[in-house]
């Protein structure tokens, strides 16, 4: 009974968003994007299936991608264009881990941070780590949105799922249950679940399917 109540509360109070880390992820390039798809169509094509868009510095067309030479205004301009191109139901997460503190502050103070479907995260600074099974690592952290800037924690979380192989169903079930209970313990508003590695697309699809059946 308690388990049923917890799952109901999670579904009512917390949104789970699933996506693949970076548009340049090898699993997307090899198994998702058509070979003849123009590069500037990838975001729209991706958004037809996913409700979480994870953008890295390498996904942007910048003059320089070196930490000390990244033009903050150009990042803001491109992220603004991305937000204009996607539906409000698609959440855009930008990984700020390679940026300087001053550029991060510039992003936090820009209009993109105030968008309801825009989060800023640092994948290099997870808060908690967990090993599921033999090969699946989970890294938890807090996303930054307009209402949480300057705070040490927020109710918007991200969960970075790392596995170098296909995650077996039993581990996927543990992953989903852990995510739900962790979100409940933190009174989370949203959880962005991010898959990486060469098996990211397959692990994402299997997780979404299993979660819908639980």
N, C-alpha and C. Protein backbone atom coordinates (compact mmCIF):
# COMPACT_ATOMS: atom_id res chain seq x y z
N UNK A 1 0.82 -1.20 0.00
CA UNK A 1 0.00 0.00 0.00
C UNK A 1 0.85 1.26 0.00
N UNK A 2 1.88 1.30 0.89
CA UNK A 2 2.73 2.48 0.97
C UNK A 2 3.46 2.71 -0.34
N UNK A 3 3.90 1.60 -0.98
CA UNK A 3 4.59 1.73 -2.27
C UNK A 3 3.68 2.35 -3.31
N UNK A 4 2.42 1.95 -3.34
CA UNK A 4 1.45 2.49 -4.29
C UNK A 4 1.23 3.97 -4.05
N UNK A 5 1.12 4.36 -2.78
CA UNK A 5 0.92 5.77 -2.43
C UNK A 5 2.10 6.60 -2.87
N UNK A 6 3.33 6.09 -2.63
CA UNK A 6 4.52 6.83 -3.01
C UNK A 6 4.58 7.05 -4.51
N UNK A 7 4.29 6.00 -5.29
CA UNK A 7 4.34 6.13 -6.74
C UNK A 7 3.30 7.11 -7.23
N UNK A 8 2.11 7.12 -6.63
CA UNK A 8 1.06 8.05 -7.01
C UNK A 8 1.49 9.48 -6.73
N UNK A 9 2.11 9.70 -5.56
CA UNK A 9 2.56 11.04 -5.20
C UNK A 9 3.63 11.54 -6.17
N UNK A 10 4.53 10.64 -6.55
CA UNK A 10 5.59 11.03 -7.47
C UNK A 10 5.01 11.45 -8.81
N UNK A 11 4.09 10.71 -9.31
CA UNK A 11 3.50 11.02 -10.61
C UNK A 11 2.73 12.34 -10.56
N UNK A 12 2.14 12.64 -9.40
CA UNK A 12 1.36 13.86 -9.28
C UNK A 12 2.24 15.08 -9.05
N UNK A 13 3.34 14.92 -8.30
CA UNK A 13 4.12 16.07 -7.84
C UNK A 13 5.45 16.27 -8.55
N UNK A 14 5.90 15.31 -9.32
CA UNK A 14 7.22 15.41 -9.93
C UNK A 14 7.16 14.99 -11.39
N UNK A 15 7.77 15.79 -12.26
CA UNK A 15 7.84 15.46 -13.68
C UNK A 15 9.19 14.80 -13.97
N UNK A 16 9.15 13.67 -14.66
CA UNK A 16 10.37 13.00 -15.09
C UNK A 16 10.59 13.28 -16.57
N UNK A 17 11.76 13.81 -16.91
CA UNK A 17 12.10 14.09 -18.30
C UNK A 17 13.29 13.20 -18.69
N UNK A 18 13.23 12.61 -19.88
CA UNK A 18 14.27 11.69 -20.33
C UNK A 18 14.93 12.22 -21.60
N UNK A 19 16.26 12.12 -21.67
CA UNK A 19 16.95 12.57 -22.87
C UNK A 19 18.35 11.97 -22.98
N UNK A 20 19.00 12.21 -24.12
CA UNK A 20 20.35 11.71 -24.40
C UNK A 20 21.34 12.87 -24.29
N UNK A 21 22.48 12.59 -23.69
CA UNK A 21 23.48 13.62 -23.47
C UNK A 21 24.17 14.00 -24.77
N UNK A 22 23.91 15.21 -25.24
CA UNK A 22 24.52 15.81 -26.42
C UNK A 22 23.90 15.34 -27.73
N UNK A 23 23.65 16.28 -28.61
CA UNK A 23 23.15 15.96 -29.95
C UNK A 23 24.21 15.24 -30.78
N UNK A 24 25.47 15.33 -30.36
CA UNK A 24 26.56 14.66 -31.06
C UNK A 24 26.84 13.27 -30.51
N UNK A 25 25.95 12.77 -29.65
CA UNK A 25 26.13 11.44 -29.10
C UNK A 25 26.19 10.40 -30.23
N UNK A 26 27.10 9.46 -30.12
CA UNK A 26 27.31 8.48 -31.19
C UNK A 26 26.08 7.62 -31.44
N UNK A 27 25.30 7.32 -30.39
CA UNK A 27 24.11 6.49 -30.60
C UNK A 27 23.06 7.22 -31.43
N UNK A 28 22.99 8.54 -31.29
CA UNK A 28 22.06 9.32 -32.11
C UNK A 28 22.55 9.39 -33.55
N UNK A 29 23.84 9.65 -33.71
CA UNK A 29 24.39 9.76 -35.07
C UNK A 29 24.33 8.44 -35.82
N UNK A 30 24.49 7.32 -35.12
CA UNK A 30 24.55 6.02 -35.78
C UNK A 30 23.19 5.35 -35.93
N UNK A 31 22.24 5.68 -35.03
CA UNK A 31 20.99 4.91 -35.02
C UNK A 31 19.72 5.76 -34.99
N UNK A 32 19.85 7.07 -34.98
CA UNK A 32 18.64 7.90 -34.85
C UNK A 32 18.50 8.91 -35.98
N UNK A 33 19.50 9.75 -36.17
CA UNK A 33 19.42 10.77 -37.21
C UNK A 33 19.62 10.15 -38.59
N UNK A 34 18.74 10.46 -39.56
CA UNK A 34 18.95 10.00 -40.94
C UNK A 34 20.26 10.59 -41.49
N UNK A 35 20.92 9.84 -42.34
CA UNK A 35 22.21 10.28 -42.87
C UNK A 35 22.10 11.59 -43.65
N UNK A 36 20.98 11.79 -44.35
CA UNK A 36 20.83 12.98 -45.17
C UNK A 36 20.12 14.13 -44.44
N UNK A 37 19.96 14.01 -43.11
CA UNK A 37 19.29 15.06 -42.35
C UNK A 37 20.20 16.27 -42.21
N UNK A 38 19.78 17.46 -42.66
CA UNK A 38 20.60 18.66 -42.48
C UNK A 38 20.87 18.91 -41.00
N UNK A 39 22.04 19.41 -40.70
CA UNK A 39 22.43 19.59 -39.30
C UNK A 39 21.50 20.54 -38.55
N UNK A 40 21.00 21.57 -39.24
CA UNK A 40 20.14 22.53 -38.56
C UNK A 40 18.71 22.00 -38.36
N UNK A 41 18.44 20.78 -38.80
CA UNK A 41 17.14 20.14 -38.56
C UNK A 41 17.19 19.15 -37.40
N UNK A 42 18.36 18.91 -36.87
CA UNK A 42 18.51 17.85 -35.87
C UNK A 42 17.69 18.11 -34.61
N UNK A 43 17.64 19.35 -34.15
CA UNK A 43 16.91 19.66 -32.92
C UNK A 43 15.42 19.37 -33.08
N UNK A 44 14.85 19.79 -34.20
CA UNK A 44 13.43 19.54 -34.45
C UNK A 44 13.16 18.05 -34.57
N UNK A 45 14.05 17.34 -35.27
CA UNK A 45 13.89 15.89 -35.44
C UNK A 45 13.98 15.18 -34.09
N UNK A 46 14.96 15.57 -33.30
CA UNK A 46 15.16 14.99 -31.97
C UNK A 46 13.94 15.22 -31.08
N UNK A 47 13.38 16.42 -31.15
CA UNK A 47 12.27 16.80 -30.28
C UNK A 47 10.97 16.08 -30.61
N UNK A 48 10.92 15.42 -31.76
CA UNK A 48 9.72 14.65 -32.10
C UNK A 48 9.56 13.44 -31.20
N UNK A 49 10.66 12.93 -30.65
CA UNK A 49 10.60 11.75 -29.78
C UNK A 49 10.92 12.07 -28.32
N UNK A 50 11.88 12.96 -28.09
CA UNK A 50 12.37 13.21 -26.74
C UNK A 50 11.69 14.44 -26.13
N UNK A 51 11.56 14.42 -24.79
CA UNK A 51 11.05 15.62 -24.10
C UNK A 51 12.13 16.30 -23.28
N UNK A 52 13.39 15.86 -23.46
CA UNK A 52 14.51 16.49 -22.79
C UNK A 52 15.65 16.65 -23.79
N UNK A 53 16.05 17.89 -24.03
CA UNK A 53 17.14 18.21 -24.95
C UNK A 53 18.35 18.65 -24.13
N UNK A 54 19.43 17.87 -24.22
CA UNK A 54 20.65 18.17 -23.45
C UNK A 54 21.70 18.74 -24.39
N UNK A 55 22.07 19.98 -24.14
CA UNK A 55 23.01 20.70 -25.01
C UNK A 55 24.35 20.87 -24.30
N UNK A 56 25.42 20.53 -25.01
CA UNK A 56 26.77 20.75 -24.51
C UNK A 56 27.42 21.87 -25.34
N UNK A 57 28.52 22.37 -24.83
CA UNK A 57 29.24 23.43 -25.53
C UNK A 57 29.59 22.98 -26.95
N UNK A 58 29.93 21.71 -27.12
CA UNK A 58 30.33 21.18 -28.42
C UNK A 58 29.17 21.12 -29.41
N UNK A 59 27.93 21.22 -28.92
CA UNK A 59 26.77 21.20 -29.80
C UNK A 59 26.50 22.56 -30.44
N UNK A 60 27.14 23.60 -29.91
CA UNK A 60 26.91 24.95 -30.41
C UNK A 60 27.97 25.33 -31.43
N UNK A 61 27.58 26.18 -32.35
CA UNK A 61 28.49 26.67 -33.38
C UNK A 61 29.12 27.97 -32.89
N UNK A 62 30.23 27.83 -32.16
CA UNK A 62 30.86 28.99 -31.52
C UNK A 62 32.18 29.34 -32.20
N UNK A 63 32.57 30.60 -32.03
CA UNK A 63 33.85 31.05 -32.57
C UNK A 63 34.98 30.30 -31.90
N UNK A 64 34.86 30.12 -30.58
CA UNK A 64 35.85 29.37 -29.81
C UNK A 64 35.14 28.59 -28.73
N UNK A 65 35.64 27.39 -28.43
CA UNK A 65 35.06 26.59 -27.37
C UNK A 65 36.04 26.40 -26.22
N UNK A 66 37.08 27.24 -26.19
CA UNK A 66 38.00 27.24 -25.07
C UNK A 66 37.39 28.04 -23.93
N UNK A 67 37.56 27.50 -22.72
CA UNK A 67 36.88 28.07 -21.55
C UNK A 67 37.11 29.56 -21.38
N UNK A 68 38.34 30.03 -21.65
CA UNK A 68 38.66 31.44 -21.41
C UNK A 68 38.32 32.34 -22.60
N UNK A 69 37.78 31.74 -23.68
CA UNK A 69 37.49 32.55 -24.86
C UNK A 69 36.07 32.39 -25.36
N UNK A 70 35.24 31.71 -24.61
CA UNK A 70 33.86 31.49 -25.04
C UNK A 70 33.08 32.79 -24.96
N UNK A 71 32.47 33.22 -26.05
CA UNK A 71 31.66 34.46 -26.02
C UNK A 71 30.30 34.20 -25.39
N UNK A 72 30.08 34.75 -24.22
CA UNK A 72 28.83 34.52 -23.51
C UNK A 72 27.61 34.97 -24.29
N UNK A 73 27.73 36.10 -24.97
CA UNK A 73 26.59 36.62 -25.73
C UNK A 73 26.19 35.66 -26.85
N UNK A 74 27.19 35.01 -27.46
CA UNK A 74 26.89 34.09 -28.55
C UNK A 74 26.21 32.82 -28.02
N UNK A 75 26.62 32.35 -26.84
CA UNK A 75 25.97 31.21 -26.22
C UNK A 75 24.51 31.52 -25.94
N UNK A 76 24.28 32.69 -25.35
CA UNK A 76 22.91 33.10 -25.02
C UNK A 76 22.06 33.21 -26.29
N UNK A 77 22.64 33.77 -27.34
CA UNK A 77 21.92 33.93 -28.60
C UNK A 77 21.52 32.57 -29.18
N UNK A 78 22.46 31.62 -29.18
CA UNK A 78 22.16 30.32 -29.75
C UNK A 78 21.18 29.53 -28.90
N UNK A 79 21.31 29.61 -27.58
CA UNK A 79 20.36 28.93 -26.71
C UNK A 79 18.96 29.53 -26.84
N UNK A 80 18.90 30.83 -27.04
CA UNK A 80 17.61 31.50 -27.26
C UNK A 80 16.96 30.99 -28.54
N UNK A 81 17.77 30.84 -29.60
CA UNK A 81 17.26 30.30 -30.86
C UNK A 81 16.74 28.88 -30.69
N UNK A 82 17.47 28.08 -29.90
CA UNK A 82 17.05 26.70 -29.65
C UNK A 82 15.72 26.67 -28.92
N UNK A 83 15.57 27.49 -27.89
CA UNK A 83 14.32 27.54 -27.14
C UNK A 83 13.16 28.00 -28.01
N UNK A 84 13.45 28.88 -28.97
CA UNK A 84 12.40 29.34 -29.89
C UNK A 84 11.97 28.24 -30.86
N UNK A 85 12.90 27.28 -31.12
CA UNK A 85 12.63 26.23 -32.11
C UNK A 85 11.91 25.02 -31.52
N UNK A 86 11.92 24.88 -30.20
CA UNK A 86 11.32 23.69 -29.60
C UNK A 86 10.01 24.04 -28.92
N UNK A 87 9.18 23.02 -28.73
CA UNK A 87 7.91 23.21 -28.04
C UNK A 87 8.16 23.43 -26.55
N UNK A 88 7.21 24.08 -25.90
CA UNK A 88 7.33 24.34 -24.47
C UNK A 88 7.31 23.05 -23.66
N UNK A 89 6.83 21.97 -24.27
CA UNK A 89 6.79 20.68 -23.58
C UNK A 89 8.15 19.98 -23.59
N UNK A 90 9.09 20.50 -24.37
CA UNK A 90 10.44 19.95 -24.42
C UNK A 90 11.33 20.79 -23.51
N UNK A 91 12.03 20.15 -22.59
CA UNK A 91 12.88 20.86 -21.65
C UNK A 91 14.32 20.88 -22.17
N UNK A 92 14.90 22.06 -22.17
CA UNK A 92 16.26 22.26 -22.67
C UNK A 92 17.22 22.43 -21.50
N UNK A 93 18.21 21.53 -21.42
CA UNK A 93 19.22 21.58 -20.37
C UNK A 93 20.57 21.89 -21.01
N UNK A 94 21.24 22.91 -20.50
CA UNK A 94 22.56 23.27 -21.03
C UNK A 94 23.62 22.94 -19.99
N UNK A 95 24.63 22.17 -20.39
CA UNK A 95 25.71 21.78 -19.50
C UNK A 95 26.77 22.88 -19.46
N UNK A 96 26.90 23.52 -18.30
CA UNK A 96 27.82 24.65 -18.13
C UNK A 96 29.19 24.23 -17.61
N UNK A 97 29.47 22.94 -17.56
CA UNK A 97 30.66 22.45 -16.85
C UNK A 97 31.98 22.97 -17.41
N UNK A 98 32.03 23.33 -18.69
CA UNK A 98 33.29 23.78 -19.29
C UNK A 98 33.43 25.30 -19.30
N UNK A 99 32.50 25.99 -18.69
CA UNK A 99 32.51 27.45 -18.74
C UNK A 99 33.12 28.07 -17.49
N UNK A 100 33.66 29.26 -17.64
CA UNK A 100 34.20 29.98 -16.51
C UNK A 100 33.07 30.47 -15.60
N UNK A 101 33.42 30.83 -14.39
CA UNK A 101 32.41 31.30 -13.43
C UNK A 101 31.72 32.57 -13.93
N UNK A 102 32.46 33.45 -14.56
CA UNK A 102 31.87 34.71 -15.04
C UNK A 102 30.87 34.46 -16.17
N UNK A 103 31.18 33.51 -17.07
CA UNK A 103 30.25 33.19 -18.15
C UNK A 103 29.00 32.52 -17.58
N UNK A 104 29.19 31.64 -16.60
CA UNK A 104 28.04 30.99 -15.97
C UNK A 104 27.12 32.02 -15.34
N UNK A 105 27.69 33.00 -14.66
CA UNK A 105 26.89 34.06 -14.05
C UNK A 105 26.14 34.85 -15.11
N UNK A 106 26.78 35.07 -16.25
CA UNK A 106 26.13 35.77 -17.35
C UNK A 106 24.92 34.99 -17.85
N UNK A 107 25.05 33.68 -17.93
CA UNK A 107 23.93 32.84 -18.36
C UNK A 107 22.83 32.85 -17.31
N UNK A 108 23.20 32.76 -16.03
CA UNK A 108 22.21 32.76 -14.96
C UNK A 108 21.38 34.04 -14.93
N UNK A 109 22.00 35.14 -15.34
CA UNK A 109 21.32 36.44 -15.30
C UNK A 109 20.62 36.78 -16.61
N UNK A 110 20.71 35.90 -17.60
CA UNK A 110 20.10 36.16 -18.90
C UNK A 110 18.65 35.67 -18.92
N UNK A 111 17.87 36.10 -19.90
CA UNK A 111 16.47 35.67 -20.00
C UNK A 111 16.28 34.17 -20.16
N UNK A 112 17.28 33.45 -20.68
CA UNK A 112 17.10 32.01 -20.90
C UNK A 112 16.92 31.27 -19.58
N UNK A 113 17.53 31.77 -18.50
CA UNK A 113 17.39 31.12 -17.20
C UNK A 113 15.99 31.27 -16.62
N UNK A 114 15.26 32.26 -17.12
CA UNK A 114 13.90 32.51 -16.62
C UNK A 114 12.84 31.71 -17.37
N UNK A 115 13.24 31.05 -18.46
CA UNK A 115 12.28 30.26 -19.21
C UNK A 115 11.85 29.03 -18.40
N UNK A 116 10.58 28.68 -18.46
CA UNK A 116 10.07 27.56 -17.68
C UNK A 116 10.65 26.22 -18.10
N UNK A 117 11.07 26.12 -19.35
CA UNK A 117 11.60 24.85 -19.86
C UNK A 117 13.10 24.90 -20.12
N UNK A 118 13.81 25.76 -19.38
CA UNK A 118 15.25 25.91 -19.57
C UNK A 118 15.98 25.73 -18.24
N UNK A 119 16.94 24.78 -18.21
CA UNK A 119 17.73 24.51 -17.02
C UNK A 119 19.21 24.64 -17.34
N UNK A 120 20.00 25.01 -16.35
CA UNK A 120 21.45 25.05 -16.46
C UNK A 120 22.02 24.07 -15.44
N UNK A 121 22.93 23.20 -15.88
CA UNK A 121 23.48 22.20 -14.98
C UNK A 121 25.00 22.12 -15.16
N UNK A 122 25.66 21.49 -14.19
CA UNK A 122 27.10 21.23 -14.27
C UNK A 122 27.31 19.73 -14.08
N UNK A 123 27.50 19.01 -15.19
CA UNK A 123 27.64 17.56 -15.13
C UNK A 123 28.94 17.13 -14.48
N UNK A 124 29.90 18.05 -14.33
CA UNK A 124 31.18 17.71 -13.72
C UNK A 124 31.15 17.84 -12.20
N UNK A 125 30.03 18.32 -11.65
CA UNK A 125 29.93 18.51 -10.20
C UNK A 125 28.67 17.85 -9.65
N UNK A 126 28.62 16.51 -9.72
CA UNK A 126 27.46 15.82 -9.16
C UNK A 126 27.46 15.88 -7.65
N UNK A 127 26.28 15.77 -7.07
CA UNK A 127 26.16 15.81 -5.62
C UNK A 127 26.29 14.45 -4.98
N UNK A 128 25.68 13.43 -5.58
CA UNK A 128 25.71 12.07 -5.04
C UNK A 128 25.95 11.07 -6.17
N UNK A 129 26.63 9.97 -5.83
CA UNK A 129 26.92 8.93 -6.80
C UNK A 129 26.38 7.59 -6.32
N UNK A 130 25.97 6.76 -7.25
CA UNK A 130 25.43 5.45 -6.91
C UNK A 130 25.76 4.47 -8.02
N UNK A 131 26.10 3.23 -7.62
CA UNK A 131 26.34 2.16 -8.57
C UNK A 131 25.16 1.19 -8.52
N UNK A 132 24.52 0.98 -9.68
CA UNK A 132 23.41 0.05 -9.78
C UNK A 132 23.89 -1.19 -10.53
N UNK A 133 23.74 -2.36 -9.93
CA UNK A 133 24.19 -3.57 -10.57
C UNK A 133 25.71 -3.58 -10.72
N UNK A 134 26.18 -3.98 -11.88
CA UNK A 134 27.62 -4.13 -12.09
C UNK A 134 28.24 -3.00 -12.90
N UNK A 135 27.43 -2.26 -13.64
CA UNK A 135 28.06 -1.33 -14.58
C UNK A 135 27.34 0.01 -14.76
N UNK A 136 26.23 0.20 -14.08
CA UNK A 136 25.45 1.44 -14.27
C UNK A 136 25.72 2.42 -13.13
N UNK A 137 26.29 3.56 -13.48
CA UNK A 137 26.57 4.60 -12.49
C UNK A 137 25.53 5.72 -12.62
N UNK A 138 25.10 6.24 -11.48
CA UNK A 138 24.17 7.36 -11.44
C UNK A 138 24.83 8.52 -10.71
N UNK A 139 24.77 9.70 -11.29
CA UNK A 139 25.27 10.91 -10.64
C UNK A 139 24.12 11.90 -10.50
N UNK A 140 23.83 12.28 -9.25
CA UNK A 140 22.74 13.22 -8.97
C UNK A 140 23.28 14.63 -8.78
N UNK A 141 22.50 15.61 -9.22
CA UNK A 141 22.87 17.00 -9.01
C UNK A 141 21.65 17.90 -9.09
N UNK A 142 21.86 19.18 -8.81
CA UNK A 142 20.78 20.17 -8.85
C UNK A 142 20.87 21.00 -10.11
N UNK A 143 19.73 21.20 -10.75
CA UNK A 143 19.65 22.10 -11.90
C UNK A 143 19.43 23.52 -11.42
N UNK A 144 19.91 24.48 -12.19
CA UNK A 144 19.71 25.89 -11.85
C UNK A 144 18.62 26.48 -12.73
N UNK A 145 17.62 27.05 -12.11
CA UNK A 145 16.57 27.77 -12.81
C UNK A 145 16.47 29.14 -12.16
N UNK A 146 15.65 30.00 -12.72
CA UNK A 146 15.58 31.38 -12.24
C UNK A 146 15.32 31.46 -10.74
N UNK A 147 14.44 30.61 -10.23
CA UNK A 147 14.08 30.67 -8.82
C UNK A 147 15.09 30.08 -7.88
N UNK A 148 16.11 29.39 -8.41
CA UNK A 148 17.08 28.71 -7.53
C UNK A 148 18.49 29.25 -7.68
N UNK A 149 18.70 30.25 -8.52
CA UNK A 149 20.03 30.81 -8.72
C UNK A 149 20.54 31.39 -7.41
N UNK A 150 21.77 31.00 -7.05
CA UNK A 150 22.36 31.50 -5.82
C UNK A 150 22.09 30.60 -4.63
N UNK A 151 21.20 29.63 -4.77
CA UNK A 151 20.94 28.71 -3.68
C UNK A 151 21.83 27.48 -3.83
N UNK A 152 22.01 26.73 -2.73
CA UNK A 152 22.85 25.54 -2.78
C UNK A 152 22.10 24.35 -3.34
N UNK A 153 20.78 24.41 -3.33
CA UNK A 153 19.99 23.29 -3.83
C UNK A 153 18.67 23.81 -4.37
N UNK A 154 18.06 23.03 -5.23
CA UNK A 154 16.75 23.39 -5.76
C UNK A 154 15.92 22.13 -5.87
N UNK A 155 14.66 22.29 -6.20
CA UNK A 155 13.76 21.15 -6.36
C UNK A 155 13.79 20.60 -7.78
N UNK A 156 14.67 21.15 -8.60
CA UNK A 156 14.86 20.66 -9.97
C UNK A 156 16.17 19.90 -10.00
N UNK A 157 16.10 18.60 -10.23
CA UNK A 157 17.26 17.73 -10.16
C UNK A 157 17.64 17.19 -11.53
N UNK A 158 18.89 16.75 -11.64
CA UNK A 158 19.28 15.98 -12.82
C UNK A 158 19.94 14.69 -12.36
N UNK A 159 19.74 13.66 -13.17
CA UNK A 159 20.28 12.33 -12.89
C UNK A 159 21.05 11.89 -14.12
N UNK A 160 22.37 11.84 -14.02
CA UNK A 160 23.22 11.47 -15.15
C UNK A 160 23.50 9.98 -15.09
N UNK A 161 22.96 9.23 -16.06
CA UNK A 161 23.08 7.77 -16.07
C UNK A 161 24.23 7.38 -17.00
N UNK A 162 25.23 6.70 -16.44
CA UNK A 162 26.40 6.31 -17.23
C UNK A 162 26.52 4.80 -17.28
N UNK A 163 26.57 4.25 -18.48
CA UNK A 163 26.77 2.82 -18.65
C UNK A 163 27.40 2.58 -20.01
N UNK A 164 28.46 1.78 -20.04
CA UNK A 164 29.16 1.49 -21.29
C UNK A 164 28.56 0.32 -22.06
N UNK A 165 27.42 -0.16 -21.59
CA UNK A 165 26.78 -1.29 -22.25
C UNK A 165 25.27 -1.14 -22.15
N UNK A 166 24.55 -2.03 -22.80
CA UNK A 166 23.10 -2.06 -22.70
C UNK A 166 22.71 -2.42 -21.28
N UNK A 167 21.83 -1.59 -20.68
CA UNK A 167 21.40 -1.84 -19.31
C UNK A 167 20.30 -2.90 -19.32
N UNK A 168 20.50 -3.93 -18.52
CA UNK A 168 19.54 -5.02 -18.46
C UNK A 168 18.26 -4.58 -17.77
N UNK A 169 17.11 -5.22 -18.12
CA UNK A 169 15.81 -4.82 -17.55
C UNK A 169 15.79 -4.76 -16.03
N UNK A 170 16.43 -5.72 -15.36
CA UNK A 170 16.41 -5.72 -13.90
C UNK A 170 17.10 -4.48 -13.34
N UNK A 171 18.18 -4.04 -14.00
CA UNK A 171 18.86 -2.82 -13.55
C UNK A 171 18.06 -1.58 -13.91
N UNK A 172 17.37 -1.61 -15.04
CA UNK A 172 16.52 -0.48 -15.42
C UNK A 172 15.40 -0.30 -14.39
N UNK A 173 14.83 -1.40 -13.94
CA UNK A 173 13.77 -1.33 -12.94
C UNK A 173 14.29 -0.71 -11.64
N UNK A 174 15.49 -1.12 -11.23
CA UNK A 174 16.10 -0.54 -10.03
C UNK A 174 16.37 0.94 -10.24
N UNK A 175 16.84 1.29 -11.44
CA UNK A 175 17.11 2.69 -11.77
C UNK A 175 15.84 3.54 -11.64
N UNK A 176 14.75 3.07 -12.20
CA UNK A 176 13.49 3.82 -12.16
C UNK A 176 12.99 3.95 -10.72
N UNK A 177 13.00 2.86 -9.98
CA UNK A 177 12.51 2.89 -8.59
C UNK A 177 13.38 3.80 -7.73
N UNK A 178 14.70 3.73 -7.93
CA UNK A 178 15.60 4.62 -7.18
C UNK A 178 15.32 6.08 -7.53
N UNK A 179 15.14 6.36 -8.81
CA UNK A 179 14.87 7.74 -9.24
C UNK A 179 13.59 8.27 -8.61
N UNK A 180 12.56 7.45 -8.61
CA UNK A 180 11.28 7.87 -8.03
C UNK A 180 11.40 8.13 -6.54
N UNK A 181 12.05 7.24 -5.81
CA UNK A 181 12.16 7.40 -4.36
C UNK A 181 13.10 8.55 -3.99
N UNK A 182 14.15 8.73 -4.77
CA UNK A 182 15.07 9.85 -4.53
C UNK A 182 14.34 11.17 -4.75
N UNK A 183 13.57 11.24 -5.84
CA UNK A 183 12.81 12.45 -6.13
C UNK A 183 11.82 12.76 -5.01
N UNK A 184 11.19 11.72 -4.48
CA UNK A 184 10.25 11.91 -3.38
C UNK A 184 10.95 12.40 -2.13
N UNK A 185 12.12 11.85 -1.84
CA UNK A 185 12.86 12.24 -0.63
C UNK A 185 13.34 13.68 -0.70
N UNK A 186 13.58 14.19 -1.91
CA UNK A 186 14.05 15.56 -2.10
C UNK A 186 12.90 16.53 -2.41
N UNK A 187 11.67 16.01 -2.39
CA UNK A 187 10.51 16.83 -2.75
C UNK A 187 10.75 17.52 -4.09
N UNK A 188 11.23 16.75 -5.06
CA UNK A 188 11.62 17.30 -6.35
C UNK A 188 10.41 17.76 -7.16
N UNK A 189 10.62 18.81 -7.91
CA UNK A 189 9.60 19.31 -8.83
C UNK A 189 9.78 18.67 -10.20
N UNK A 190 11.04 18.57 -10.66
CA UNK A 190 11.37 17.93 -11.92
C UNK A 190 12.65 17.12 -11.76
N UNK A 191 12.78 16.07 -12.55
CA UNK A 191 14.03 15.30 -12.62
C UNK A 191 14.38 15.11 -14.09
N UNK A 192 15.54 15.59 -14.50
CA UNK A 192 16.04 15.40 -15.86
C UNK A 192 16.96 14.19 -15.86
N UNK A 193 16.53 13.10 -16.50
CA UNK A 193 17.27 11.85 -16.52
C UNK A 193 18.04 11.78 -17.83
N UNK A 194 19.38 11.82 -17.73
CA UNK A 194 20.24 11.98 -18.90
C UNK A 194 21.05 10.70 -19.14
N UNK A 195 20.96 10.17 -20.36
CA UNK A 195 21.70 8.96 -20.72
C UNK A 195 22.90 9.32 -21.59
N UNK A 196 24.05 8.68 -21.31
CA UNK A 196 25.24 8.91 -22.11
C UNK A 196 25.81 7.57 -22.56
N UNK A 197 26.90 7.58 -23.30
CA UNK A 197 27.61 6.43 -23.84
C UNK A 197 27.05 6.02 -25.20
N UNK A 198 27.69 5.03 -25.82
CA UNK A 198 27.29 4.55 -27.14
C UNK A 198 25.94 3.85 -27.13
N UNK A 199 25.45 3.47 -25.95
CA UNK A 199 24.17 2.78 -25.82
C UNK A 199 23.08 3.70 -25.27
N UNK A 200 23.33 4.99 -25.31
CA UNK A 200 22.40 5.94 -24.70
C UNK A 200 21.00 5.85 -25.29
N UNK A 201 20.90 5.77 -26.60
CA UNK A 201 19.58 5.75 -27.25
C UNK A 201 18.80 4.50 -26.85
N UNK A 202 19.45 3.34 -26.91
CA UNK A 202 18.76 2.09 -26.55
C UNK A 202 18.37 2.09 -25.07
N UNK A 203 19.27 2.55 -24.20
CA UNK A 203 18.96 2.59 -22.77
C UNK A 203 17.84 3.57 -22.47
N UNK A 204 17.84 4.69 -23.17
CA UNK A 204 16.77 5.68 -23.02
C UNK A 204 15.42 5.06 -23.40
N UNK A 205 15.34 4.46 -24.58
CA UNK A 205 14.06 3.92 -25.07
C UNK A 205 13.55 2.80 -24.17
N UNK A 206 14.43 1.93 -23.71
CA UNK A 206 14.01 0.84 -22.84
C UNK A 206 13.54 1.36 -21.48
N UNK A 207 14.17 2.41 -20.98
CA UNK A 207 13.78 2.98 -19.70
C UNK A 207 12.41 3.65 -19.80
N UNK A 208 12.20 4.42 -20.84
CA UNK A 208 10.91 5.09 -21.05
C UNK A 208 9.78 4.07 -21.17
N UNK A 209 10.05 3.01 -21.94
CA UNK A 209 9.02 1.96 -22.10
C UNK A 209 8.70 1.28 -20.78
N UNK A 210 9.75 0.92 -20.03
CA UNK A 210 9.54 0.23 -18.76
C UNK A 210 8.84 1.15 -17.76
N UNK A 211 9.25 2.42 -17.72
CA UNK A 211 8.62 3.37 -16.78
C UNK A 211 7.14 3.54 -17.06
N UNK A 212 6.76 3.50 -18.32
CA UNK A 212 5.35 3.66 -18.69
C UNK A 212 4.51 2.45 -18.27
N UNK A 213 5.17 1.32 -18.04
CA UNK A 213 4.47 0.10 -17.68
C UNK A 213 4.40 -0.12 -16.17
N UNK A 214 5.16 0.67 -15.43
CA UNK A 214 5.23 0.47 -13.97
C UNK A 214 4.12 1.26 -13.25
